[in-house]
Amino acid sequence: MAVITLNNSSLKKYLDLFRNFDVSSKRKLIEGLTQAVEEPEKDNHNKVAAFFGAWEDERDSDEIIRDIKSA
């Protein structure tokens, strides 16, 4: 998995956004970030594989396409 590095300007934009969160949401965000920092990096290679076959539908592809276009 690629690592994303943000510059100070981008970080400031996120912090400005988080300022509007309620206290409970801020705490959950802090807990999640803390866990992400403290946990050793796991092999995320198989996470994408979990999405394969996730779509279950009785319709064939033409019916699905027709439904999407009509929506």
Protein backbone atom coordinates (compact mmCIF):
# COMPACT_ATOMS: atom_id res chain seq x y z
CA MET A 1 0.00 0.00 0.00
CA ALA A 2 1.29 3.42 -0.91
CA VAL A 3 2.05 5.89 1.84
CA ILE A 4 0.52 9.34 1.52
CA THR A 5 2.50 12.30 2.80
CA LEU A 6 0.66 15.58 3.20
CA ASN A 7 2.25 18.99 3.19
CA ASN A 8 1.40 21.56 5.87
CA SER A 9 -1.19 23.26 3.67
CA SER A 10 -3.10 20.01 3.14
CA LEU A 11 -2.89 19.12 6.82
CA LYS A 12 -4.26 22.54 7.74
CA LYS A 13 -7.26 21.96 5.44
CA TYR A 14 -8.01 18.67 7.20
CA LEU A 15 -7.65 20.27 10.61
CA ASP A 16 -10.01 23.08 9.58
CA LEU A 17 -12.54 20.46 8.51
CA PHE A 18 -12.19 18.51 11.78
CA ARG A 19 -12.78 21.64 13.85
CA ASN A 20 -16.45 21.43 12.86
CA PHE A 21 -16.82 17.87 14.22
CA ASP A 22 -18.58 17.32 17.52
CA VAL A 23 -16.50 16.20 20.52
CA SER A 24 -17.53 12.55 20.21
CA SER A 25 -16.52 12.41 16.54
CA LYS A 26 -13.19 14.10 17.31
CA ARG A 27 -12.46 11.50 20.00
CA LYS A 28 -13.29 8.64 17.63
CA LEU A 29 -11.01 10.19 15.00
CA ILE A 30 -8.19 10.55 17.54
CA GLU A 31 -8.65 6.94 18.69
CA GLY A 32 -8.58 5.69 15.10
CA LEU A 33 -5.47 7.68 14.24
CA THR A 34 -3.76 6.53 17.45
CA GLN A 35 -4.49 2.89 16.61
CA ALA A 36 -3.20 3.39 13.08
CA VAL A 37 0.05 4.79 14.44
CA GLU A 38 0.51 2.17 17.16
CA GLU A 39 -0.41 -0.93 15.15
CA PRO A 40 2.29 -2.48 13.02
CA GLU A 41 1.62 -2.07 9.33
CA LYS A 42 -0.33 -5.08 8.10
CA ASP A 43 -0.18 -6.67 4.70
CA ASN A 44 -2.94 -4.83 2.83
CA HIS A 45 -2.35 -6.77 -0.38
CA ASN A 46 -5.40 -9.01 0.12
CA LYS A 47 -7.84 -6.21 0.96
CA VAL A 48 -8.54 -5.60 -2.72
CA ALA A 49 -9.25 -9.29 -3.22
CA ALA A 50 -12.09 -9.04 -0.69
CA PHE A 51 -14.05 -6.94 -3.20
CA PHE A 52 -13.99 -9.56 -5.93
CA GLY A 53 -17.30 -11.35 -6.19
CA ALA A 54 -18.92 -8.93 -3.76
CA TRP A 55 -21.72 -7.98 -6.16
CA GLU A 56 -24.51 -10.51 -5.95
CA ASP A 57 -27.43 -10.12 -8.30
CA GLU A 58 -29.83 -12.41 -10.14
CA ARG A 59 -29.98 -10.11 -13.18
CA ASP A 60 -27.69 -10.55 -16.14
CA SER A 61 -25.35 -7.75 -17.19
CA ASP A 62 -27.72 -6.40 -19.86
CA GLU A 63 -30.52 -6.02 -17.32
CA ILE A 64 -28.23 -4.25 -14.86
CA ILE A 65 -27.01 -1.86 -17.56
CA ARG A 66 -30.60 -1.16 -18.66
CA ASP A 67 -31.61 -0.44 -15.02
CA ILE A 68 -28.66 1.90 -14.51
CA LYS A 69 -29.39 3.82 -17.71
CA SER A 70 -33.08 4.13 -16.88
CA ALA A 71 -32.29 5.51 -13.43
